[in-house]
PDB file of N, CA and C in Angstrom:
ATOM      1  N   UNK A   1     117.181-149.860  11.413  1.00  0.00           N
ATOM      2  CA  UNK A   1     115.795-149.391  11.609  1.00  0.00           C
ATOM      3  C   UNK A   1     115.180-149.168  10.209  1.00  0.00           C
ATOM      4  N   UNK A   2     113.933-149.668  10.052  1.00  0.00           N
ATOM      5  CA  UNK A   2     113.297-149.509   8.774  1.00  0.00           C
ATOM      6  C   UNK A   2     111.789-148.909   9.117  1.00  0.00           C
ATOM      7  N   UNK A   3     111.177-148.606   8.040  1.00  0.00           N
ATOM      8  CA  UNK A   3     109.931-148.107   8.254  1.00  0.00           C
ATOM      9  C   UNK A   3     108.899-148.938   7.353  1.00  0.00           C
ATOM     10  N   UNK A   4     107.667-148.983   7.828  1.00  0.00           N
ATOM     11  CA  UNK A   4     106.635-149.714   7.185  1.00  0.00           C
ATOM     12  C   UNK A   4     105.458-148.792   7.317  1.00  0.00           C
ATOM     13  N   UNK A   5     104.311-149.039   6.678  1.00  0.00           N
ATOM     14  CA  UNK A   5     103.113-148.333   6.614  1.00  0.00           C
ATOM     15  C   UNK A   5     102.011-149.174   7.238  1.00  0.00           C
ATOM     16  N   UNK A   6     101.429-148.824   8.358  1.00  0.00           N
ATOM     17  CA  UNK A   6     100.350-149.513   8.873  1.00  0.00           C
ATOM     18  C   UNK A   6      99.109-148.579   8.768  1.00  0.00           C
ATOM     19  N   UNK A   7      98.152-149.028   7.822  1.00  0.00           N
ATOM     20  CA  UNK A   7      97.121-148.009   7.493  1.00  0.00           C
ATOM     21  C   UNK A   7      97.773-146.701   6.926  1.00  0.00           C
ATOM     22  N   UNK A   8      97.409-145.566   7.502  1.00  0.00           N
ATOM     23  CA  UNK A   8      98.041-144.397   6.984  1.00  0.00           C
ATOM     24  C   UNK A   8      99.041-143.917   8.013  1.00  0.00           C
ATOM     25  N   UNK A   9      99.519-144.699   8.836  1.00  0.00           N
ATOM     26  CA  UNK A   9     100.646-144.258   9.667  1.00  0.00           C
ATOM     27  C   UNK A   9     101.979-144.941   9.219  1.00  0.00           C
ATOM     28  N   UNK A  10     103.101-144.244   9.397  1.00  0.00           N
ATOM     29  CA  UNK A  10     104.303-144.643   9.187  1.00  0.00           C
ATOM     30  C   UNK A  10     104.950-145.121  10.467  1.00  0.00           C
ATOM     31  N   UNK A  11     105.288-146.482  10.513  1.00  0.00           N
ATOM     32  CA  UNK A  11     105.659-147.153  11.751  1.00  0.00           C
ATOM     33  C   UNK A  11     107.281-147.519  11.514  1.00  0.00           C
ATOM     34  N   UNK A  12     107.986-147.339  12.600  1.00  0.00           N
ATOM     35  CA  UNK A  12     109.385-147.723  12.562  1.00  0.00           C
ATOM     36  C   UNK A  12     109.649-149.084  13.184  1.00  0.00           C
ATOM     37  N   UNK A  13     110.540-149.919  12.751  1.00  0.00           N
ATOM     38  CA  UNK A  13     110.851-151.171  13.369  1.00  0.00           C
ATOM     39  C   UNK A  13     112.302-151.396  13.376  1.00  0.00           C
ATOM     40  N   UNK A  14     112.827-151.911  14.511  1.00  0.00           N
ATOM     41  CA  UNK A  14     114.188-152.295  14.658  1.00  0.00           C
ATOM     42  C   UNK A  14     114.381-153.729  14.295  1.00  0.00           C
ATOM     43  N   UNK A  15     115.340-153.999  13.368  1.00  0.00           N
ATOM     44  CA  UNK A  15     115.531-155.349  13.055  1.00  0.00           C
ATOM     45  C   UNK A  15     116.463-156.018  14.021  1.00  0.00           C
ATOM     46  N   UNK A  16     116.071-157.220  14.506  1.00  0.00           N
ATOM     47  CA  UNK A  16     116.741-157.961  15.513  1.00  0.00           C
ATOM     48  C   UNK A  16     117.269-159.325  14.937  1.00  0.00           C
ATOM     49  N   UNK A  17     116.973-159.553  13.688  1.00  0.00           N
ATOM     50  CA  UNK A  17     117.330-160.845  13.138  1.00  0.00           C
ATOM     51  C   UNK A  17     117.450-160.745  11.584  1.00  0.00           C
ATOM     52  N   UNK A  18     118.406-161.205  10.963  1.00  0.00           N
ATOM     53  CA  UNK A  18     118.587-161.292   9.463  1.00  0.00           C
ATOM     54  C   UNK A  18     117.413-162.137   8.923  1.00  0.00           C
ATOM     55  N   UNK A  19     116.727-162.934   9.716  1.00  0.00           N
ATOM     56  CA  UNK A  19     115.551-163.704   9.355  1.00  0.00           C
ATOM     57  C   UNK A  19     114.350-162.929   9.211  1.00  0.00           C
ATOM     58  N   UNK A  20     114.399-161.620   9.441  1.00  0.00           N
ATOM     59  CA  UNK A  20     113.180-160.813   9.236  1.00  0.00           C
ATOM     60  C   UNK A  20     112.356-160.571  10.454  1.00  0.00           C
ATOM     61  N   UNK A  21     113.043-160.574  11.660  1.00  0.00           N
ATOM     62  CA  UNK A  21     112.340-160.268  12.993  1.00  0.00           C
ATOM     63  C   UNK A  21     112.600-158.877  13.363  1.00  0.00           C
ATOM     64  N   UNK A  22     111.511-158.221  13.800  1.00  0.00           N
ATOM     65  CA  UNK A  22     111.525-156.731  13.968  1.00  0.00           C
ATOM     66  C   UNK A  22     110.911-156.486  15.241  1.00  0.00           C
ATOM     67  N   UNK A  23     111.332-155.351  15.972  1.00  0.00           N
ATOM     68  CA  UNK A  23     110.638-154.791  17.140  1.00  0.00           C
ATOM     69  C   UNK A  23     110.127-153.430  16.822  1.00  0.00           C
ATOM     70  N   UNK A  24     109.006-153.071  17.394  1.00  0.00           N
ATOM     71  CA  UNK A  24     108.416-151.892  16.983  1.00  0.00           C
ATOM     72  C   UNK A  24     108.931-150.669  17.924  1.00  0.00           C
ATOM     73  N   UNK A  25     109.233-149.510  17.203  1.00  0.00           N
ATOM     74  CA  UNK A  25     109.673-148.292  17.834  1.00  0.00           C
ATOM     75  C   UNK A  25     108.515-147.242  17.908  1.00  0.00           C
ATOM     76  N   UNK A  26     108.199-146.707  19.050  1.00  0.00           N
ATOM     77  CA  UNK A  26     107.134-145.820  19.105  1.00  0.00           C
ATOM     78  C   UNK A  26     107.587-144.636  19.940  1.00  0.00           C
ATOM     79  N   UNK A  27     106.846-143.409  19.691  1.00  0.00           N
ATOM     80  CA  UNK A  27     107.089-142.355  20.526  1.00  0.00           C
ATOM     81  C   UNK A  27     106.766-142.573  22.001  1.00  0.00           C
ATOM     82  N   UNK A  28     107.644-142.223  22.987  1.00  0.00           N
ATOM     83  CA  UNK A  28     107.392-142.403  24.426  1.00  0.00           C
ATOM     84  C   UNK A  28     106.262-141.403  24.787  1.00  0.00           C
ATOM     85  N   UNK A  29     105.252-141.818  25.526  1.00  0.00           N
ATOM     86  CA  UNK A  29     104.213-140.986  25.889  1.00  0.00           C
ATOM     87  C   UNK A  29     104.256-140.798  27.428  1.00  0.00           C
ATOM     88  N   UNK A  30     105.274-141.197  28.143  1.00  0.00           N
ATOM     89  CA  UNK A  30     105.461-140.894  29.491  1.00  0.00           C
ATOM     90  C   UNK A  30     105.247-142.110  30.465  1.00  0.00           C
ATOM     91  N   UNK A  31     104.890-143.262  29.950  1.00  0.00           N
ATOM     92  CA  UNK A  31     104.692-144.441  30.693  1.00  0.00           C
ATOM     93  C   UNK A  31     105.356-145.654  29.881  1.00  0.00           C
ATOM     94  N   UNK A  32     106.070-146.534  30.608  1.00  0.00           N
ATOM     95  CA  UNK A  32     106.656-147.556  29.943  1.00  0.00           C
ATOM     96  C   UNK A  32     105.909-148.788  30.549  1.00  0.00           C
ATOM     97  N   UNK A  33     106.038-149.924  29.838  1.00  0.00           N
ATOM     98  CA  UNK A  33     105.359-151.166  30.269  1.00  0.00           C
ATOM     99  C   UNK A  33     106.468-152.328  30.360  1.00  0.00           C
ATOM    100  N   UNK A  34     106.093-153.257  30.924  1.00  0.00           N
ATOM    101  CA  UNK A  34     106.913-154.530  30.933  1.00  0.00           C
ATOM    102  C   UNK A  34     107.366-154.942  29.584  1.00  0.00           C
ATOM    103  N   UNK A  35     108.682-155.087  29.358  1.00  0.00           N
ATOM    104  CA  UNK A  35     109.042-155.462  27.917  1.00  0.00           C
ATOM    105  C   UNK A  35     109.331-154.269  27.061  1.00  0.00           C
ATOM    106  N   UNK A  36     109.453-153.104  27.704  1.00  0.00           N
ATOM    107  CA  UNK A  36     109.840-151.953  26.836  1.00  0.00           C
ATOM    108  C   UNK A  36     111.244-151.356  27.299  1.00  0.00           C
ATOM    109  N   UNK A  37     111.804-150.773  26.376  1.00  0.00           N
ATOM    110  CA  UNK A  37     113.102-150.063  26.689  1.00  0.00           C
ATOM    111  C   UNK A  37     112.862-148.637  26.185  1.00  0.00           C
ATOM    112  N   UNK A  38     113.055-147.614  27.040  1.00  0.00           N
ATOM    113  CA  UNK A  38     112.831-146.254  26.760  1.00  0.00           C
ATOM    114  C   UNK A  38     114.307-145.739  26.362  1.00  0.00           C
ATOM    115  N   UNK A  39     114.386-144.913  25.241  1.00  0.00           N
ATOM    116  CA  UNK A  39     115.739-144.460  24.758  1.00  0.00           C
ATOM    117  C   UNK A  39     115.544-143.053  24.539  1.00  0.00           C
ATOM    118  N   UNK A  40     116.673-142.241  24.536  1.00  0.00           N
ATOM    119  CA  UNK A  40     116.713-140.894  24.149  1.00  0.00           C
ATOM    120  C   UNK A  40     116.704-140.747  22.568  1.00  0.00           C
ATOM    121  N   UNK A  41     116.140-139.622  22.162  1.00  0.00           N
ATOM    122  CA  UNK A  41     116.116-139.406  20.691  1.00  0.00           C
ATOM    123  C   UNK A  41     117.530-139.457  20.193  1.00  0.00           C
ATOM    124  N   UNK A  42     118.558-139.193  20.797  1.00  0.00           N
ATOM    125  CA  UNK A  42     119.928-139.220  20.350  1.00  0.00           C
ATOM    126  C   UNK A  42     120.285-140.699  19.871  1.00  0.00           C
ATOM    127  N   UNK A  43     119.583-141.728  20.362  1.00  0.00           N
ATOM    128  CA  UNK A  43     119.849-143.191  19.892  1.00  0.00           C
ATOM    129  C   UNK A  43     119.600-143.208  18.421  1.00  0.00           C
ATOM    130  N   UNK A  44     118.562-142.578  17.878  1.00  0.00           N
ATOM    131  CA  UNK A  44     118.264-142.560  16.467  1.00  0.00           C
ATOM    132  C   UNK A  44     118.309-141.178  15.894  1.00  0.00           C
ATOM    133  N   UNK A  45     119.469-140.604  15.672  1.00  0.00           N
ATOM    134  CA  UNK A  45     119.634-139.224  15.240  1.00  0.00           C
ATOM    135  C   UNK A  45     119.126-139.007  13.779  1.00  0.00           C
ATOM    136  N   UNK A  46     118.705-140.086  12.970  1.00  0.00           N
ATOM    137  CA  UNK A  46     118.295-140.002  11.686  1.00  0.00           C
ATOM    138  C   UNK A  46     116.803-139.915  11.595  1.00  0.00           C
ATOM    139  N   UNK A  47     116.154-139.980  12.728  1.00  0.00           N
ATOM    140  CA  UNK A  47     114.603-139.815  12.920  1.00  0.00           C
ATOM    141  C   UNK A  47     114.380-138.453  13.418  1.00  0.00           C
ATOM    142  N   UNK A  48     113.015-137.966  13.131  1.00  0.00           N
ATOM    143  CA  UNK A  48     112.728-136.626  13.649  1.00  0.00           C
ATOM    144  C   UNK A  48     112.525-136.809  15.164  1.00  0.00           C
ATOM    145  N   UNK A  49     113.046-135.844  15.897  1.00  0.00           N
ATOM    146  CA  UNK A  49     112.905-136.007  17.388  1.00  0.00           C
ATOM    147  C   UNK A  49     111.393-135.992  17.844  1.00  0.00           C
ATOM    148  N   UNK A  50     111.162-136.821  18.901  1.00  0.00           N
ATOM    149  CA  UNK A  50     109.816-137.034  19.442  1.00  0.00           C
ATOM    150  C   UNK A  50     109.525-135.738  20.348  1.00  0.00           C
ATOM    151  N   UNK A  51     108.326-135.457  20.675  1.00  0.00           N
ATOM    152  CA  UNK A  51     108.001-134.380  21.557  1.00  0.00           C
ATOM    153  C   UNK A  51     108.490-134.570  22.963  1.00  0.00           C
ATOM    154  N   UNK A  52     108.606-135.881  23.464  1.00  0.00           N
ATOM    155  CA  UNK A  52     109.098-136.062  24.757  1.00  0.00           C
ATOM    156  C   UNK A  52     110.667-136.184  24.881  1.00  0.00           C
ATOM    157  N   UNK A  53     111.304-136.301  23.694  1.00  0.00           N
ATOM    158  CA  UNK A  53     112.731-136.404  23.619  1.00  0.00           C
ATOM    159  C   UNK A  53     113.091-137.986  23.848  1.00  0.00           C
ATOM    160  N   UNK A  54     112.075-138.854  23.826  1.00  0.00           N
ATOM    161  CA  UNK A  54     112.328-140.265  24.021  1.00  0.00           C
ATOM    162  C   UNK A  54     111.532-141.065  23.064  1.00  0.00           C
ATOM    163  N   UNK A  55     111.986-142.223  22.844  1.00  0.00           N
ATOM    164  CA  UNK A  55     111.268-143.308  22.158  1.00  0.00           C
ATOM    165  C   UNK A  55     111.209-144.549  23.011  1.00  0.00           C
ATOM    166  N   UNK A  56     110.383-145.414  22.609  1.00  0.00           N
ATOM    167  CA  UNK A  56     110.259-146.721  23.349  1.00  0.00           C
ATOM    168  C   UNK A  56     110.214-147.741  22.341  1.00  0.00           C
ATOM    169  N   UNK A  57     111.066-148.826  22.619  1.00  0.00           N
ATOM    170  CA  UNK A  57     111.200-150.013  21.789  1.00  0.00           C
ATOM    171  C   UNK A  57     110.350-151.116  22.472  1.00  0.00           C
ATOM    172  N   UNK A  58     109.322-151.754  21.841  1.00  0.00           N
ATOM    173  CA  UNK A  58     108.421-152.650  22.267  1.00  0.00           C
ATOM    174  C   UNK A  58     109.205-153.941  22.278  1.00  0.00           C
ATOM    175  N   UNK A  59     109.697-154.597  23.362  1.00  0.00           N
ATOM    176  CA  UNK A  59     110.420-155.829  23.350  1.00  0.00           C
ATOM    177  C   UNK A  59     109.465-156.854  23.907  1.00  0.00           C
ATOM    178  N   UNK A  60     108.090-156.753  23.679  1.00  0.00           N
ATOM    179  CA  UNK A  60     107.152-157.774  24.178  1.00  0.00           C
ATOM    180  C   UNK A  60     106.588-158.621  23.100  1.00  0.00           C
ATOM    181  N   UNK A  61     106.881-158.225  21.771  1.00  0.00           N
ATOM    182  CA  UNK A  61     106.364-158.963  20.672  1.00  0.00           C
ATOM    183  C   UNK A  61     107.204-158.756  19.397  1.00  0.00           C
ATOM    184  N   UNK A  62     107.478-159.763  18.679  1.00  0.00           N
ATOM    185  CA  UNK A  62     108.317-159.743  17.511  1.00  0.00           C
ATOM    186  C   UNK A  62     107.391-159.675  16.248  1.00  0.00           C
ATOM    187  N   UNK A  63     107.613-158.752  15.361  1.00  0.00           N
ATOM    188  CA  UNK A  63     106.966-158.717  14.065  1.00  0.00           C
ATOM    189  C   UNK A  63     107.864-159.414  13.071  1.00  0.00           C
ATOM    190  N   UNK A  64     107.378-160.348  12.301  1.00  0.00           N
ATOM    191  CA  UNK A  64     108.021-161.098  11.355  1.00  0.00           C
ATOM    192  C   UNK A  64     107.596-160.678   9.894  1.00  0.00           C
ATOM    193  N   UNK A  65     108.528-160.320   9.193  1.00  0.00           N
ATOM    194  CA  UNK A  65     108.307-159.969   7.862  1.00  0.00           C
ATOM    195  C   UNK A  65     108.784-161.070   6.761  1.00  0.00           C
ATOM    196  N   UNK A  66     108.034-161.402   5.778  1.00  0.00           N
ATOM    197  CA  UNK A  66     108.543-162.419   4.857  1.00  0.00           C
ATOM    198  C   UNK A  66     109.543-161.721   3.895  1.00  0.00           C
ATOM    199  N   UNK A  67     110.171-162.643   3.149  1.00  0.00           N
ATOM    200  CA  UNK A  67     111.166-162.268   2.157  1.00  0.00           C
ATOM    201  C   UNK A  67     110.647-161.194   1.158  1.00  0.00           C
ATOM    202  N   UNK A  68     109.361-161.464   0.644  1.00  0.00           N
ATOM    203  CA  UNK A  68     108.609-160.458  -0.152  1.00  0.00           C
ATOM    204  C   UNK A  68     108.344-159.178   0.468  1.00  0.00           C
ATOM    205  N   UNK A  69     108.160-159.157   1.689  1.00  0.00           N
ATOM    206  CA  UNK A  69     107.735-157.945   2.587  1.00  0.00           C
ATOM    207  C   UNK A  69     109.003-157.248   2.704  1.00  0.00           C
ATOM    208  N   UNK A  70     110.185-157.808   2.787  1.00  0.00           N
ATOM    209  CA  UNK A  70     111.452-157.248   3.056  1.00  0.00           C
ATOM    210  C   UNK A  70     111.987-156.537   1.836  1.00  0.00           C
ATOM    211  N   UNK A  71     111.635-157.022   0.774  1.00  0.00           N
ATOM    212  CA  UNK A  71     112.066-156.362  -0.647  1.00  0.00           C
ATOM    213  C   UNK A  71     111.606-154.829  -0.633  1.00  0.00           C
ATOM    214  N   UNK A  72     112.674-154.173  -0.920  1.00  0.00           N
ATOM    215  CA  UNK A  72     112.343-152.671  -1.085  1.00  0.00           C
ATOM    216  C   UNK A  72     112.117-151.862   0.146  1.00  0.00           C
ATOM    217  N   UNK A  73     112.429-152.473   1.316  1.00  0.00           N
ATOM    218  CA  UNK A  73     112.231-151.709   2.578  1.00  0.00           C
ATOM    219  C   UNK A  73     113.401-150.726   2.568  1.00  0.00           C
ATOM    220  N   UNK A  74     113.181-149.571   2.987  1.00  0.00           N
ATOM    221  CA  UNK A  74     114.049-148.456   3.172  1.00  0.00           C
ATOM    222  C   UNK A  74     114.775-148.636   4.582  1.00  0.00           C
ATOM    223  N   UNK A  75     116.173-148.930   4.572  1.00  0.00           N
ATOM    224  CA  UNK A  75     116.843-148.807   5.791  1.00  0.00           C
ATOM    225  C   UNK A  75     117.359-147.396   6.172  1.00  0.00           C
ATOM    226  N   UNK A  76     116.866-147.097   7.323  1.00  0.00           N
ATOM    227  CA  UNK A  76     117.083-145.666   7.806  1.00  0.00           C
ATOM    228  C   UNK A  76     118.392-145.411   8.595  1.00  0.00           C
ATOM    229  N   UNK A  77     118.877-146.535   9.206  1.00  0.00           N
ATOM    230  CA  UNK A  77     120.073-146.371  10.111  1.00  0.00           C
ATOM    231  C   UNK A  77     120.115-147.657  10.941  1.00  0.00           C
ATOM    232  N   UNK A  78     121.050-147.606  11.863  1.00  0.00           N
ATOM    233  CA  UNK A  78     121.134-148.747  12.781  1.00  0.00           C
ATOM    234  C   UNK A  78     121.268-148.409  14.228  1.00  0.00           C
ATOM    235  N   UNK A  79     121.093-149.238  15.040  1.00  0.00           N
ATOM    236  CA  UNK A  79     121.259-149.233  16.544  1.00  0.00           C
ATOM    237  C   UNK A  79     122.590-149.280  16.926  1.00  0.00           C
ATOM    238  N   UNK A  80     122.912-148.804  17.975  1.00  0.00           N
ATOM    239  CA  UNK A  80     124.221-148.935  18.664  1.00  0.00           C
ATOM    240  C   UNK A  80     124.430-150.276  19.249  1.00  0.00           C
ATOM    241  N   UNK A  81     125.655-150.664  19.340  1.00  0.00           N
ATOM    242  CA  UNK A  81     125.970-152.015  19.950  1.00  0.00           C
ATOM    243  C   UNK A  81     125.377-151.984  21.339  1.00  0.00           C
ATOM    244  N   UNK A  82     125.589-150.927  22.064  1.00  0.00           N
ATOM    245  CA  UNK A  82     125.021-150.845  23.475  1.00  0.00           C
ATOM    246  C   UNK A  82     123.536-151.032  23.538  1.00  0.00           C
ATOM    247  N   UNK A  83     122.794-150.466  22.622  1.00  0.00           N
ATOM    248  CA  UNK A  83     121.421-150.728  22.614  1.00  0.00           C
ATOM    249  C   UNK A  83     121.013-152.090  22.324  1.00  0.00           C
ATOM    250  N   UNK A  84     121.795-152.739  21.302  1.00  0.00           N
ATOM    251  CA  UNK A  84     121.513-154.061  21.039  1.00  0.00           C
ATOM    252  C   UNK A  84     121.849-155.066  22.189  1.00  0.00           C
ATOM    253  N   UNK A  85     122.855-154.696  23.062  1.00  0.00           N
ATOM    254  CA  UNK A  85     123.089-155.430  24.230  1.00  0.00           C
ATOM    255  C   UNK A  85     121.940-155.262  25.259  1.00  0.00           C
ATOM    256  N   UNK A  86     121.355-154.124  25.289  1.00  0.00           N
ATOM    257  CA  UNK A  86     120.185-153.831  26.233  1.00  0.00           C
ATOM    258  C   UNK A  86     119.015-154.649  25.841  1.00  0.00           C
ATOM    259  N   UNK A  87     118.832-154.711  24.533  1.00  0.00           N
ATOM    260  CA  UNK A  87     117.623-155.505  24.070  1.00  0.00           C
ATOM    261  C   UNK A  87     117.823-156.976  24.176  1.00  0.00           C
ATOM    262  N   UNK A  88     119.079-157.475  23.989  1.00  0.00           N
ATOM    263  CA  UNK A  88     119.468-158.939  24.246  1.00  0.00           C
ATOM    264  C   UNK A  88     119.192-159.142  25.741  1.00  0.00           C
ATOM    265  N   UNK A  89     119.664-158.421  26.601  1.00  0.00           N
ATOM    266  CA  UNK A  89     119.412-158.653  28.133  1.00  0.00           C
ATOM    267  C   UNK A  89     117.967-158.608  28.456  1.00  0.00           C
ATOM    268  N   UNK A  90     117.211-157.750  27.897  1.00  0.00           N
ATOM    269  CA  UNK A  90     115.817-157.599  28.103  1.00  0.00           C
ATOM    270  C   UNK A  90     115.147-158.774  27.729  1.00  0.00           C
ATOM    271  N   UNK A  91     115.472-159.347  26.437  1.00  0.00           N
ATOM    272  CA  UNK A  91     114.921-160.558  26.000  1.00  0.00           C
ATOM    273  C   UNK A  91     115.303-161.783  26.897  1.00  0.00           C
ATOM    274  N   UNK A  92     116.472-161.896  27.279  1.00  0.00           N
ATOM    275  CA  UNK A  92     116.978-162.997  28.112  1.00  0.00           C
ATOM    276  C   UNK A  92     116.052-163.223  29.407  1.00  0.00           C
ATOM    277  N   UNK A  93     115.766-162.055  29.996  1.00  0.00           N
ATOM    278  CA  UNK A  93     115.142-162.040  31.296  1.00  0.00           C
ATOM    279  C   UNK A  93     113.637-161.717  31.147  1.00  0.00           C
ATOM    280  N   UNK A  94     113.025-161.697  29.873  1.00  0.00           N
ATOM    281  CA  UNK A  94     111.747-161.262  29.776  1.00  0.00           C
ATOM    282  C   UNK A  94     110.675-162.249  30.347  1.00  0.00           C
ATOM    283  N   UNK A  95     109.685-161.745  30.902  1.00  0.00           N
ATOM    284  CA  UNK A  95     108.581-162.716  31.351  1.00  0.00           C
ATOM    285  C   UNK A  95     107.293-162.469  30.435  1.00  0.00           C
ATOM    286  N   UNK A  96     107.485-161.530  29.442  1.00  0.00           N
ATOM    287  CA  UNK A  96     106.332-161.288  28.521  1.00  0.00           C
ATOM    288  C   UNK A  96     106.466-161.807  27.167  1.00  0.00           C
ATOM    289  N   UNK A  97     107.707-162.211  26.718  1.00  0.00           N
ATOM    290  CA  UNK A  97     107.949-162.759  25.527  1.00  0.00           C
ATOM    291  C   UNK A  97     107.539-164.123  25.377  1.00  0.00           C
ATOM    292  N   UNK A  98     107.078-164.652  24.172  1.00  0.00           N
ATOM    293  CA  UNK A  98     106.895-166.100  23.902  1.00  0.00           C
ATOM    294  C   UNK A  98     108.279-166.732  23.808  1.00  0.00           C
ATOM    295  N   UNK A  99     108.510-168.048  24.111  1.00  0.00           N
ATOM    296  CA  UNK A  99     109.750-168.731  23.802  1.00  0.00           C
ATOM    297  C   UNK A  99     110.192-168.397  22.454  1.00  0.00           C
ATOM    298  N   UNK A 100     109.367-168.554  21.479  1.00  0.00           N
ATOM    299  CA  UNK A 100     109.770-168.327  20.103  1.00  0.00           C
ATOM    300  C   UNK A 100     110.194-166.936  19.921  1.00  0.00           C
ATOM    301  N   UNK A 101     109.677-165.812  20.289  1.00  0.00           N
ATOM    302  CA  UNK A 101     110.117-164.526  20.181  1.00  0.00           C
ATOM    303  C   UNK A 101     111.445-164.278  20.917  1.00  0.00           C
ATOM    304  N   UNK A 102     111.516-164.738  22.191  1.00  0.00           N
ATOM    305  CA  UNK A 102     112.721-164.756  22.892  1.00  0.00           C
ATOM    306  C   UNK A 102     114.034-165.253  22.069  1.00  0.00           C
ATOM    307  N   UNK A 103     113.762-166.506  21.588  1.00  0.00           N
ATOM    308  CA  UNK A 103     114.757-167.229  20.946  1.00  0.00           C
ATOM    309  C   UNK A 103     115.118-166.427  19.655  1.00  0.00           C
ATOM    310  N   UNK A 104     114.175-165.926  18.891  1.00  0.00           N
ATOM    311  CA  UNK A 104     114.513-165.258  17.677  1.00  0.00           C
ATOM    312  C   UNK A 104     115.364-163.993  18.015  1.00  0.00           C
ATOM    313  N   UNK A 105     115.108-163.228  19.097  1.00  0.00           N
ATOM    314  CA  UNK A 105     115.837-162.106  19.456  1.00  0.00           C
ATOM    315  C   UNK A 105     117.165-162.441  19.853  1.00  0.00           C
ATOM    316  N   UNK A 106     117.304-163.511  20.713  1.00  0.00           N
ATOM    317  CA  UNK A 106     118.709-163.784  21.238  1.00  0.00           C
ATOM    318  C   UNK A 106     119.584-164.341  20.148  1.00  0.00           C
ATOM    319  N   UNK A 107     118.963-165.247  19.314  1.00  0.00           N
ATOM    320  CA  UNK A 107     119.706-165.856  18.166  1.00  0.00           C
ATOM    321  C   UNK A 107     120.130-164.742  17.130  1.00  0.00           C
ATOM    322  N   UNK A 108     119.207-163.884  16.889  1.00  0.00           N
ATOM    323  CA  UNK A 108     119.381-162.851  15.967  1.00  0.00           C
ATOM    324  C   UNK A 108     120.413-161.753  16.326  1.00  0.00           C
ATOM    325  N   UNK A 109     120.312-161.351  17.513  1.00  0.00           N
ATOM    326  CA  UNK A 109     121.277-160.244  18.019  1.00  0.00           C
ATOM    327  C   UNK A 109     122.615-160.888  18.338  1.00  0.00           C
ATOM    328  N   UNK A 110     122.526-162.246  18.734  1.00  0.00           N
ATOM    329  CA  UNK A 110     123.662-162.937  18.965  1.00  0.00           C
ATOM    330  C   UNK A 110     124.612-162.931  17.748  1.00  0.00           C
ATOM    331  N   UNK A 111     124.053-162.968  16.594  1.00  0.00           N
ATOM    332  CA  UNK A 111     124.845-162.973  15.347  1.00  0.00           C
ATOM    333  C   UNK A 111     125.647-161.730  15.229  1.00  0.00           C
ATOM    334  N   UNK A 112     125.169-160.524  15.870  1.00  0.00           N
ATOM    335  CA  UNK A 112     125.782-159.229  15.687  1.00  0.00           C
ATOM    336  C   UNK A 112     126.649-158.828  16.832  1.00  0.00           C
ATOM    337  N   UNK A 113     126.295-159.522  17.954  1.00  0.00           N
ATOM    338  CA  UNK A 113     127.110-159.105  19.193  1.00  0.00           C
ATOM    339  C   UNK A 113     128.326-160.050  19.367  1.00  0.00           C
TER     340      UNK A 113
END
């Protein structure tokens, strides 16, 4: 898990490929959408707990960072193997991912699983 700054907000991203593919992590606001995985705060104990006790991983779009953007990124921690398996399964059956995004997630996580 890494963080970036989007405007004045600190955003967290979960790396799903050593090629620089990431999924966005947000605070859970009480409603999830197609292509999202809701997880308890305990999944990322190195982050400040959210008000709802949960976070959501957006598995409907992959953010790609270039090698230059990856330089100096602060790694905050890692996801459990069980969570990586959930993301892999979500990507395999996703109806909201593009083929390119699906392939990047499956190939990237396949390297670690």
